[in-house]
Amino acid sequence: MGWLSDSINLFGLIAAIVILILTIYVAGTLVKKMRDSKAEGELTDHQWDGIAEFKNNLPVGWAVSFLVLIIWGFWYLFLGYPLQSYSQIGDYNRQVDAHNKKFEEKWKNLSKDDLINMGQGIFLVQCSECHGINAEGMNGKAQNLTKWGKEEGIIYTVEHGSTGLGYDGGEMPVLGLSQEDAKAVAAYIMADISDVKNTKYPDDVAKGKKVFETAGCTGCHGPDGKGMPGMANFAPDLSKYGTVDFVKRVLEHGKKGHIGQMPSFAYRNFNDTQIQAITDYIESLSSN
């Protein structure tokens, strides 16, 4: 009977007993009245199919009950329940937080290879259904993640546009750049803007910077590629491209693709170690 030590549970039990007693009493009284009493009183002028309504005032007991119920409801919602009360959702969240702390403490010193292996396991269970076991998107069913976080992913976005990330600036249209210019922009983003700070095409970085500034990219992504000042959700911050922060955002918000909606994985409560593992695994994939 330890649960009776919880004041909310005890209060709820007492209230339930009181309500049950009152219900039995009121129901018995009304049944007796229906059986013994006769209809008396002044009727209103309104009738429906020969049935009229008595000009009776609202019973005092009903009015008092309604008023007490409203007051109790406000007390319960804003004072009684939220303070030091038990909640299944709150208890679940506390358990998840405790598990994540233990998990991260246990696996905090994983090597790069271990993180990749962990990420592959998570990917095969959670992501491969749409992206395929090789992460190639199963013939366009979903995004080809072997290109994500690399120059190839940027080139693809420049050539095909981007949809479904839910930014306030709307969808990114096809820019119509040549393949050489798209490659140069990709090199510039990966080398100078992204926190990855690495590109396979270093000779194209200077050209990419010029194309980025003249092709209209700064109009949405800002002059430094980190988004418009004061408008954090207007367009993607390209400094996060290829990093764990961008993966975390997609996992939390989902993404609308050409064939449907990738759901948010926020309910999975991936911890930081797991998200880092997924990021490292995707980064390790070959884009060839």
C-alpha atoms as a PDB file:
ATOM      1  CA  MET A   1       0.000   0.000   0.000  1.00  0.00           C
ATOM      2  CA  GLY A   2       2.989   2.274  -0.449  1.00  0.00           C
ATOM      3  CA  TRP A   3       1.204   4.087  -3.248  1.00  0.00           C
ATOM      4  CA  LEU A   4      -1.088   5.658  -0.642  1.00  0.00           C
ATOM      5  CA  SER A   5       1.890   7.699   0.535  1.00  0.00           C
ATOM      6  CA  ASP A   6       1.558   9.704  -2.677  1.00  0.00           C
ATOM      7  CA  SER A   7      -0.695  12.665  -1.843  1.00  0.00           C
ATOM      8  CA  ILE A   8      -2.103  12.831  -5.367  1.00  0.00           C
ATOM      9  CA  ASN A   9      -3.078   9.144  -5.372  1.00  0.00           C
ATOM     10  CA  LEU A  10      -4.655   9.461  -1.924  1.00  0.00           C
ATOM     11  CA  PHE A  11      -6.578  12.572  -2.924  1.00  0.00           C
ATOM     12  CA  GLY A  12      -7.782  10.869  -6.101  1.00  0.00           C
ATOM     13  CA  LEU A  13      -8.991   7.820  -4.148  1.00  0.00           C
ATOM     14  CA  ILE A  14     -10.908   9.936  -1.626  1.00  0.00           C
ATOM     15  CA  ALA A  15     -12.432  12.027  -4.421  1.00  0.00           C
ATOM     16  CA  ALA A  16     -13.505   8.879  -6.284  1.00  0.00           C
ATOM     17  CA  ILE A  17     -15.208   7.486  -3.158  1.00  0.00           C
ATOM     18  CA  VAL A  18     -17.001  10.784  -2.507  1.00  0.00           C
ATOM     19  CA  ILE A  19     -18.160  10.997  -6.125  1.00  0.00           C
ATOM     20  CA  LEU A  20     -19.421   7.402  -5.985  1.00  0.00           C
ATOM     21  CA  ILE A  21     -21.429   8.049  -2.808  1.00  0.00           C
ATOM     22  CA  LEU A  22     -22.892  11.263  -4.204  1.00  0.00           C
ATOM     23  CA  THR A  23     -23.751   9.552  -7.478  1.00  0.00           C
ATOM     24  CA  ILE A  24     -25.608   6.747  -5.709  1.00  0.00           C
ATOM     25  CA  TYR A  25     -27.473   9.237  -3.497  1.00  0.00           C
ATOM     26  CA  VAL A  26     -28.445  11.614  -6.322  1.00  0.00           C
ATOM     27  CA  ALA A  27     -29.405   8.781  -8.660  1.00  0.00           C
ATOM     28  CA  GLY A  28     -31.570   7.177  -5.960  1.00  0.00           C
ATOM     29  CA  THR A  29     -33.250  10.508  -5.180  1.00  0.00           C
ATOM     30  CA  LEU A  30     -34.025  11.208  -8.828  1.00  0.00           C
ATOM     31  CA  VAL A  31     -35.352   7.707  -9.429  1.00  0.00           C
ATOM     32  CA  LYS A  32     -37.651   8.064  -6.406  1.00  0.00           C
ATOM     33  CA  LYS A  33     -38.894  11.431  -7.685  1.00  0.00           C
ATOM     34  CA  MET A  34     -39.574  10.028 -11.135  1.00  0.00           C
ATOM     35  CA  ARG A  35     -41.564   7.209  -9.563  1.00  0.00           C
ATOM     36  CA  ASP A  36     -43.571   9.194  -7.003  1.00  0.00           C
ATOM     37  CA  SER A  37     -43.866  12.812  -8.132  1.00  0.00           C
ATOM     38  CA  LYS A  38     -46.239  14.351 -10.626  1.00  0.00           C
ATOM     39  CA  ALA A  39     -45.388  17.028 -13.171  1.00  0.00           C
ATOM     40  CA  GLU A  40     -46.428  20.422 -11.812  1.00  0.00           C
ATOM     41  CA  GLY A  41     -45.530  23.991 -12.535  1.00  0.00           C
ATOM     42  CA  GLU A  42     -45.807  26.738 -15.163  1.00  0.00           C
ATOM     43  CA  LEU A  43     -44.819  25.831 -18.729  1.00  0.00           C
ATOM     44  CA  THR A  44     -43.044  28.002 -21.246  1.00  0.00           C
ATOM     45  CA  ASP A  45     -44.689  29.054 -24.507  1.00  0.00           C
ATOM     46  CA  HIS A  46     -42.298  26.928 -26.562  1.00  0.00           C
ATOM     47  CA  GLN A  47     -43.374  23.455 -27.495  1.00  0.00           C
ATOM     48  CA  TRP A  48     -41.822  20.702 -29.591  1.00  0.00           C
ATOM     49  CA  ASP A  49     -44.139  17.929 -30.742  1.00  0.00           C
ATOM     50  CA  GLY A  50     -46.453  18.654 -27.837  1.00  0.00           C
ATOM     51  CA  ILE A  51     -43.650  18.664 -25.291  1.00  0.00           C
ATOM     52  CA  ALA A  52     -43.185  21.871 -23.287  1.00  0.00           C
ATOM     53  CA  GLU A  53     -40.512  23.042 -20.856  1.00  0.00           C
ATOM     54  CA  PHE A  54     -41.150  24.031 -17.236  1.00  0.00           C
ATOM     55  CA  LYS A  55     -40.244  27.531 -16.104  1.00  0.00           C
ATOM     56  CA  ASN A  56     -38.069  26.192 -13.334  1.00  0.00           C
ATOM     57  CA  ASN A  57     -34.956  27.890 -12.095  1.00  0.00           C
ATOM     58  CA  LEU A  58     -31.694  26.034 -12.177  1.00  0.00           C
ATOM     59  CA  PRO A  59     -31.575  23.867  -9.040  1.00  0.00           C
ATOM     60  CA  VAL A  60     -29.354  25.377  -6.384  1.00  0.00           C
ATOM     61  CA  GLY A  61     -27.552  22.079  -5.888  1.00  0.00           C
ATOM     62  CA  TRP A  62     -26.693  21.861  -9.587  1.00  0.00           C
ATOM     63  CA  ALA A  63     -25.449  25.470  -9.679  1.00  0.00           C
ATOM     64  CA  VAL A  64     -23.283  24.918  -6.618  1.00  0.00           C
ATOM     65  CA  SER A  65     -21.943  21.649  -8.069  1.00  0.00           C
ATOM     66  CA  PHE A  66     -21.000  23.321 -11.358  1.00  0.00           C
ATOM     67  CA  LEU A  67     -19.272  26.202  -9.551  1.00  0.00           C
ATOM     68  CA  VAL A  68     -17.359  23.862  -7.232  1.00  0.00           C
ATOM     69  CA  LEU A  69     -16.338  21.666 -10.172  1.00  0.00           C
ATOM     70  CA  ILE A  70     -15.013  24.664 -12.126  1.00  0.00           C
ATOM     71  CA  ILE A  71     -13.026  25.955  -9.147  1.00  0.00           C
ATOM     72  CA  TRP A  72     -11.664  22.481  -8.410  1.00  0.00           C
ATOM     73  CA  GLY A  73     -10.742  22.027 -12.079  1.00  0.00           C
ATOM     74  CA  PHE A  74      -8.686  25.216 -12.125  1.00  0.00           C
ATOM     75  CA  TRP A  75      -7.004  24.280  -8.850  1.00  0.00           C
ATOM     76  CA  TYR A  76      -6.222  20.777 -10.098  1.00  0.00           C
ATOM     77  CA  LEU A  77      -4.811  21.907 -13.461  1.00  0.00           C
ATOM     78  CA  PHE A  78      -2.718  24.847 -12.274  1.00  0.00           C
ATOM     79  CA  LEU A  79      -1.896  24.078  -8.640  1.00  0.00           C
ATOM     80  CA  GLY A  80      -2.834  20.622  -7.439  1.00  0.00           C
ATOM     81  CA  TYR A  81      -1.497  18.237 -10.070  1.00  0.00           C
ATOM     82  CA  PRO A  82       1.662  19.737 -11.605  1.00  0.00           C
ATOM     83  CA  LEU A  83       3.406  20.355  -8.271  1.00  0.00           C
ATOM     84  CA  GLN A  84       5.274  17.343  -6.874  1.00  0.00           C
ATOM     85  CA  SER A  85       2.965  14.898  -8.619  1.00  0.00           C
ATOM     86  CA  TYR A  86       3.537  11.612 -10.373  1.00  0.00           C
ATOM     87  CA  SER A  87       3.332  11.524 -14.148  1.00  0.00           C
ATOM     88  CA  GLN A  88       3.832   8.477 -16.361  1.00  0.00           C
ATOM     89  CA  ILE A  89       5.260  10.679 -19.114  1.00  0.00           C
ATOM     90  CA  GLY A  90       7.563  12.446 -16.669  1.00  0.00           C
ATOM     91  CA  ASP A  91       8.650   9.125 -15.190  1.00  0.00           C
ATOM     92  CA  TYR A  92       9.345   7.752 -18.691  1.00  0.00           C
ATOM     93  CA  ASN A  93      11.390  10.818 -19.611  1.00  0.00           C
ATOM     94  CA  ARG A  94      13.397  10.544 -16.386  1.00  0.00           C
ATOM     95  CA  GLN A  95      14.106   6.890 -17.112  1.00  0.00           C
ATOM     96  CA  VAL A  96      15.199   7.720 -20.671  1.00  0.00           C
ATOM     97  CA  ASP A  97      17.503  10.490 -19.404  1.00  0.00           C
ATOM     98  CA  ALA A  98      19.018   8.151 -16.835  1.00  0.00           C
ATOM     99  CA  HIS A  99      19.548   5.450 -19.463  1.00  0.00           C
ATOM    100  CA  ASN A 100      21.148   7.909 -21.878  1.00  0.00           C
ATOM    101  CA  LYS A 101      23.549   9.137 -19.189  1.00  0.00           C
ATOM    102  CA  LYS A 102      24.581   5.562 -18.374  1.00  0.00           C
ATOM    103  CA  PHE A 103      24.884   4.777 -22.086  1.00  0.00           C
ATOM    104  CA  GLU A 104      27.045   7.805 -22.826  1.00  0.00           C
ATOM    105  CA  GLU A 105      29.201   7.170 -19.783  1.00  0.00           C
ATOM    106  CA  LYS A 106      29.788   3.580 -20.876  1.00  0.00           C
ATOM    107  CA  TRP A 107      30.567   4.392 -24.509  1.00  0.00           C
ATOM    108  CA  LYS A 108      32.133   7.854 -24.231  1.00  0.00           C
ATOM    109  CA  ASN A 109      35.634   6.719 -25.247  1.00  0.00           C
ATOM    110  CA  LEU A 110      34.724   4.816 -28.404  1.00  0.00           C
ATOM    111  CA  SER A 111      37.197   4.876 -31.249  1.00  0.00           C
ATOM    112  CA  LYS A 112      36.236   6.120 -34.689  1.00  0.00           C
ATOM    113  CA  ASP A 113      35.884   2.556 -35.955  1.00  0.00           C
ATOM    114  CA  ASP A 114      33.697   1.607 -33.010  1.00  0.00           C
ATOM    115  CA  LEU A 115      31.443   4.602 -33.653  1.00  0.00           C
ATOM    116  CA  ILE A 116      31.138   3.640 -37.312  1.00  0.00           C
ATOM    117  CA  ASN A 117      30.193   0.084 -36.356  1.00  0.00           C
ATOM    118  CA  MET A 118      27.623   1.358 -33.880  1.00  0.00           C
ATOM    119  CA  GLY A 119      26.230   3.741 -36.475  1.00  0.00           C
ATOM    120  CA  GLN A 120      25.948   0.954 -39.019  1.00  0.00           C
ATOM    121  CA  GLY A 121      23.941  -1.133 -36.554  1.00  0.00           C
ATOM    122  CA  ILE A 122      21.549   1.743 -35.840  1.00  0.00           C
ATOM    123  CA  PHE A 123      21.263   2.518 -39.542  1.00  0.00           C
ATOM    124  CA  LEU A 124      20.420  -1.074 -40.507  1.00  0.00           C
ATOM    125  CA  VAL A 125      17.675  -1.240 -37.891  1.00  0.00           C
ATOM    126  CA  GLN A 126      16.158   2.245 -38.196  1.00  0.00           C
ATOM    127  CA  CYS A 127      17.027   3.622 -41.641  1.00  0.00           C
ATOM    128  CA  SER A 128      17.694   0.848 -44.143  1.00  0.00           C
ATOM    129  CA  GLU A 129      13.997   0.192 -44.754  1.00  0.00           C
ATOM    130  CA  CYS A 130      13.874   3.293 -46.947  1.00  0.00           C
ATOM    131  CA  HIS A 131      17.516   4.138 -47.649  1.00  0.00           C
ATOM    132  CA  GLY A 132      18.526   0.537 -48.370  1.00  0.00           C
ATOM    133  CA  ILE A 133      21.146  -1.586 -46.661  1.00  0.00           C
ATOM    134  CA  ASN A 134      23.823   0.152 -48.752  1.00  0.00           C
ATOM    135  CA  ALA A 135      22.329   3.616 -48.019  1.00  0.00           C
ATOM    136  CA  GLU A 136      21.953   4.303 -51.742  1.00  0.00           C
ATOM    137  CA  GLY A 137      18.263   5.186 -51.511  1.00  0.00           C
ATOM    138  CA  MET A 138      16.863   2.115 -53.293  1.00  0.00           C
ATOM    139  CA  ASN A 139      16.507   3.666 -56.757  1.00  0.00           C
ATOM    140  CA  GLY A 140      15.244   7.025 -55.577  1.00  0.00           C
ATOM    141  CA  LYS A 141      12.906   5.772 -52.870  1.00  0.00           C
ATOM    142  CA  ALA A 142      14.852   7.873 -50.386  1.00  0.00           C
ATOM    143  CA  GLN A 143      17.946  10.077 -50.271  1.00  0.00           C
ATOM    144  CA  ASN A 144      21.224   8.505 -51.378  1.00  0.00           C
ATOM    145  CA  LEU A 145      23.214   8.896 -48.172  1.00  0.00           C
ATOM    146  CA  THR A 146      26.482   7.750 -49.716  1.00  0.00           C
ATOM    147  CA  LYS A 147      26.661  11.257 -51.199  1.00  0.00           C
ATOM    148  CA  TRP A 148      25.499  13.122 -48.111  1.00  0.00           C
ATOM    149  CA  GLY A 149      27.999  15.298 -46.250  1.00  0.00           C
ATOM    150  CA  LYS A 150      30.335  15.316 -49.224  1.00  0.00           C
ATOM    151  CA  GLU A 151      30.831  17.363 -52.361  1.00  0.00           C
ATOM    152  CA  GLU A 152      28.620  14.950 -54.310  1.00  0.00           C
ATOM    153  CA  GLY A 153      25.680  15.763 -52.065  1.00  0.00           C
ATOM    154  CA  ILE A 154      26.061  19.491 -52.666  1.00  0.00           C
ATOM    155  CA  ILE A 155      26.427  18.990 -56.412  1.00  0.00           C
ATOM    156  CA  TYR A 156      23.242  16.911 -56.433  1.00  0.00           C
ATOM    157  CA  THR A 157      21.368  19.606 -54.484  1.00  0.00           C
ATOM    158  CA  VAL A 158      22.579  22.354 -56.832  1.00  0.00           C
ATOM    159  CA  GLU A 159      21.427  20.332 -59.844  1.00  0.00           C
ATOM    160  CA  HIS A 160      18.123  19.060 -58.436  1.00  0.00           C
ATOM    161  CA  GLY A 161      17.137  21.535 -55.719  1.00  0.00           C
ATOM    162  CA  SER A 162      16.211  20.638 -52.159  1.00  0.00           C
ATOM    163  CA  THR A 163      12.809  19.936 -50.638  1.00  0.00           C
ATOM    164  CA  GLY A 164      11.260  18.991 -47.365  1.00  0.00           C
ATOM    165  CA  LEU A 165      13.585  20.389 -44.711  1.00  0.00           C
ATOM    166  CA  GLY A 166      10.916  22.751 -43.413  1.00  0.00           C
ATOM    167  CA  TYR A 167      12.799  26.045 -43.492  1.00  0.00           C
ATOM    168  CA  ASP A 168      10.880  29.319 -43.549  1.00  0.00           C
ATOM    169  CA  GLY A 169      12.539  30.382 -46.801  1.00  0.00           C
ATOM    170  CA  GLY A 170      10.814  27.548 -48.649  1.00  0.00           C
ATOM    171  CA  GLU A 171      12.263  24.987 -51.011  1.00  0.00           C
ATOM    172  CA  MET A 172      15.559  25.482 -52.807  1.00  0.00           C
ATOM    173  CA  PRO A 173      15.058  25.611 -56.597  1.00  0.00           C
ATOM    174  CA  VAL A 174      17.335  24.174 -59.257  1.00  0.00           C
ATOM    175  CA  LEU A 175      20.121  26.743 -59.746  1.00  0.00           C
ATOM    176  CA  GLY A 176      20.948  25.863 -63.334  1.00  0.00           C
ATOM    177  CA  LEU A 177      24.713  25.981 -62.859  1.00  0.00           C
ATOM    178  CA  SER A 178      27.113  24.107 -65.057  1.00  0.00           C
ATOM    179  CA  GLN A 179      28.633  20.928 -63.693  1.00  0.00           C
ATOM    180  CA  GLU A 180      31.971  22.687 -63.267  1.00  0.00           C
ATOM    181  CA  ASP A 181      30.411  25.579 -61.334  1.00  0.00           C
ATOM    182  CA  ALA A 182      28.393  23.191 -59.146  1.00  0.00           C
ATOM    183  CA  LYS A 183      31.581  21.300 -58.342  1.00  0.00           C
ATOM    184  CA  ALA A 184      33.367  24.537 -57.488  1.00  0.00           C
ATOM    185  CA  VAL A 185      30.547  25.651 -55.162  1.00  0.00           C
ATOM    186  CA  ALA A 186      30.685  22.273 -53.460  1.00  0.00           C
ATOM    187  CA  ALA A 187      34.434  22.606 -52.963  1.00  0.00           C
ATOM    188  CA  TYR A 188      34.045  26.104 -51.486  1.00  0.00           C
ATOM    189  CA  ILE A 189      31.300  25.037 -49.075  1.00  0.00           C
ATOM    190  CA  MET A 190      33.207  21.990 -47.845  1.00  0.00           C
ATOM    191  CA  ALA A 191      36.532  23.812 -47.512  1.00  0.00           C
ATOM    192  CA  ASP A 192      35.565  27.246 -46.175  1.00  0.00           C
ATOM    193  CA  ILE A 193      31.978  27.209 -44.870  1.00  0.00           C
ATOM    194  CA  SER A 194      31.308  23.752 -43.468  1.00  0.00           C
ATOM    195  CA  ASP A 195      32.895  22.865 -40.151  1.00  0.00           C
ATOM    196  CA  VAL A 196      34.272  19.810 -41.947  1.00  0.00           C
ATOM    197  CA  LYS A 197      36.905  22.133 -43.477  1.00  0.00           C
ATOM    198  CA  ASN A 198      38.012  19.594 -46.052  1.00  0.00           C
ATOM    199  CA  THR A 199      37.442  19.159 -49.786  1.00  0.00           C
ATOM    200  CA  LYS A 200      38.571  16.787 -52.491  1.00  0.00           C
ATOM    201  CA  TYR A 201      38.810  19.685 -54.940  1.00  0.00           C
ATOM    202  CA  PRO A 202      41.006  22.371 -53.317  1.00  0.00           C
ATOM    203  CA  ASP A 203      41.880  23.931 -56.679  1.00  0.00           C
ATOM    204  CA  ASP A 204      38.209  24.876 -57.208  1.00  0.00           C
ATOM    205  CA  VAL A 205      37.653  26.663 -53.892  1.00  0.00           C
ATOM    206  CA  ALA A 206      38.438  30.201 -55.090  1.00  0.00           C
ATOM    207  CA  LYS A 207      36.196  29.799 -58.130  1.00  0.00           C
ATOM    208  CA  GLY A 208      33.461  28.330 -55.957  1.00  0.00           C
ATOM    209  CA  LYS A 209      33.491  31.360 -53.684  1.00  0.00           C
ATOM    210  CA  LYS A 210      32.832  33.667 -56.635  1.00  0.00           C
ATOM    211  CA  VAL A 211      30.070  31.450 -57.999  1.00  0.00           C
ATOM    212  CA  PHE A 212      28.491  31.203 -54.535  1.00  0.00           C
ATOM    213  CA  GLU A 213      28.348  35.005 -54.315  1.00  0.00           C
ATOM    214  CA  THR A 214      27.083  35.603 -57.851  1.00  0.00           C
ATOM    215  CA  ALA A 215      24.639  32.704 -58.259  1.00  0.00           C
ATOM    216  CA  GLY A 216      22.266  33.970 -55.581  1.00  0.00           C
ATOM    217  CA  CYS A 217      23.300  31.557 -52.818  1.00  0.00           C
ATOM    218  CA  THR A 218      23.941  34.389 -50.348  1.00  0.00           C
ATOM    219  CA  GLY A 219      20.346  35.586 -50.740  1.00  0.00           C
ATOM    220  CA  CYS A 220      19.168  32.670 -48.600  1.00  0.00           C
ATOM    221  CA  HIS A 221      22.243  31.270 -46.898  1.00  0.00           C
ATOM    222  CA  GLY A 222      23.727  34.639 -45.996  1.00  0.00           C
ATOM    223  CA  PRO A 223      27.041  36.205 -46.992  1.00  0.00           C
ATOM    224  CA  ASP A 224      29.027  33.700 -44.926  1.00  0.00           C
ATOM    225  CA  GLY A 225      26.817  30.692 -45.696  1.00  0.00           C
ATOM    226  CA  LYS A 226      25.653  30.421 -42.085  1.00  0.00           C
ATOM    227  CA  GLY A 227      22.114  31.599 -42.714  1.00  0.00           C
ATOM    228  CA  MET A 228      20.470  34.992 -42.735  1.00  0.00           C
ATOM    229  CA  PRO A 229      21.328  37.125 -39.676  1.00  0.00           C
ATOM    230  CA  GLY A 230      18.473  37.132 -37.183  1.00  0.00           C
ATOM    231  CA  MET A 231      16.539  34.498 -39.154  1.00  0.00           C
ATOM    232  CA  ALA A 232      17.882  31.196 -37.879  1.00  0.00           C
ATOM    233  CA  ASN A 233      15.249  29.035 -39.570  1.00  0.00           C
ATOM    234  CA  PHE A 234      15.120  30.848 -42.914  1.00  0.00           C
ATOM    235  CA  ALA A 235      17.585  28.552 -44.709  1.00  0.00           C
ATOM    236  CA  PRO A 236      20.128  25.895 -43.693  1.00  0.00           C
ATOM    237  CA  ASP A 237      23.312  26.930 -41.952  1.00  0.00           C
ATOM    238  CA  LEU A 238      25.864  25.445 -44.351  1.00  0.00           C
ATOM    239  CA  SER A 239      28.548  25.462 -41.694  1.00  0.00           C
ATOM    240  CA  LYS A 240      26.672  22.494 -40.210  1.00  0.00           C
ATOM    241  CA  TYR A 241      26.573  20.527 -43.455  1.00  0.00           C
ATOM    242  CA  GLY A 242      28.319  17.182 -43.046  1.00  0.00           C
ATOM    243  CA  THR A 243      28.377  17.480 -39.239  1.00  0.00           C
ATOM    244  CA  VAL A 244      26.511  15.800 -36.429  1.00  0.00           C
ATOM    245  CA  ASP A 245      24.387  18.931 -35.858  1.00  0.00           C
ATOM    246  CA  PHE A 246      22.792  18.668 -39.293  1.00  0.00           C
ATOM    247  CA  VAL A 247      22.108  14.942 -38.857  1.00  0.00           C
ATOM    248  CA  LYS A 248      20.519  15.690 -35.493  1.00  0.00           C
ATOM    249  CA  ARG A 249      18.234  18.300 -37.021  1.00  0.00           C
ATOM    250  CA  VAL A 250      17.033  15.953 -39.758  1.00  0.00           C
ATOM    251  CA  LEU A 251      16.427  13.187 -37.227  1.00  0.00           C
ATOM    252  CA  GLU A 252      14.425  15.530 -35.000  1.00  0.00           C
ATOM    253  CA  HIS A 253      12.399  17.277 -37.722  1.00  0.00           C
ATOM    254  CA  GLY A 254      12.118  14.654 -40.451  1.00  0.00           C
ATOM    255  CA  LYS A 255      12.235  15.479 -44.143  1.00  0.00           C
ATOM    256  CA  LYS A 256       9.685  15.514 -46.930  1.00  0.00           C
ATOM    257  CA  GLY A 257      11.029  13.734 -49.974  1.00  0.00           C
ATOM    258  CA  HIS A 258       9.779  13.101 -53.486  1.00  0.00           C
ATOM    259  CA  ILE A 259       7.824   9.992 -52.475  1.00  0.00           C
ATOM    260  CA  GLY A 260       6.689  10.806 -48.967  1.00  0.00           C
ATOM    261  CA  GLN A 261       7.532  12.100 -45.527  1.00  0.00           C
ATOM    262  CA  MET A 262      10.479  10.880 -43.514  1.00  0.00           C
ATOM    263  CA  PRO A 263       9.131  10.927 -39.956  1.00  0.00           C
ATOM    264  CA  SER A 264      10.787  12.635 -37.043  1.00  0.00           C
ATOM    265  CA  PHE A 265      12.890  10.280 -34.966  1.00  0.00           C
ATOM    266  CA  ALA A 266      12.682  12.515 -31.895  1.00  0.00           C
ATOM    267  CA  TYR A 267      10.532   9.890 -30.189  1.00  0.00           C
ATOM    268  CA  ARG A 268      13.461   7.454 -30.422  1.00  0.00           C
ATOM    269  CA  ASN A 269      15.427   9.674 -28.047  1.00  0.00           C
ATOM    270  CA  PHE A 270      18.751   9.018 -29.748  1.00  0.00           C
ATOM    271  CA  ASN A 271      21.482  10.252 -27.446  1.00  0.00           C
ATOM    272  CA  ASP A 272      24.486  12.251 -28.588  1.00  0.00           C
ATOM    273  CA  THR A 273      26.735   9.197 -28.850  1.00  0.00           C
ATOM    274  CA  GLN A 274      24.263   7.419 -31.112  1.00  0.00           C
ATOM    275  CA  ILE A 275      23.797  10.469 -33.330  1.00  0.00           C
ATOM    276  CA  GLN A 276      27.563  10.857 -33.589  1.00  0.00           C
ATOM    277  CA  ALA A 277      27.784   7.180 -34.531  1.00  0.00           C
ATOM    278  CA  ILE A 278      25.158   7.587 -37.277  1.00  0.00           C
ATOM    279  CA  THR A 279      27.015  10.649 -38.584  1.00  0.00           C
ATOM    280  CA  ASP A 280      30.358   8.851 -38.636  1.00  0.00           C
ATOM    281  CA  TYR A 281      28.840   5.869 -40.411  1.00  0.00           C
ATOM    282  CA  ILE A 282      27.283   8.042 -43.130  1.00  0.00           C
ATOM    283  CA  GLU A 283      30.568   9.929 -43.479  1.00  0.00           C
ATOM    284  CA  SER A 284      32.412   6.618 -43.958  1.00  0.00           C
ATOM    285  CA  LEU A 285      30.225   5.550 -46.878  1.00  0.00           C
ATOM    286  CA  SER A 286      31.797   5.663 -50.324  1.00  0.00           C
ATOM    287  CA  SER A 287      30.119   7.999 -52.804  1.00  0.00           C
ATOM    288  CA  ASN A 288      31.243   6.047 -55.846  1.00  0.00           C
END
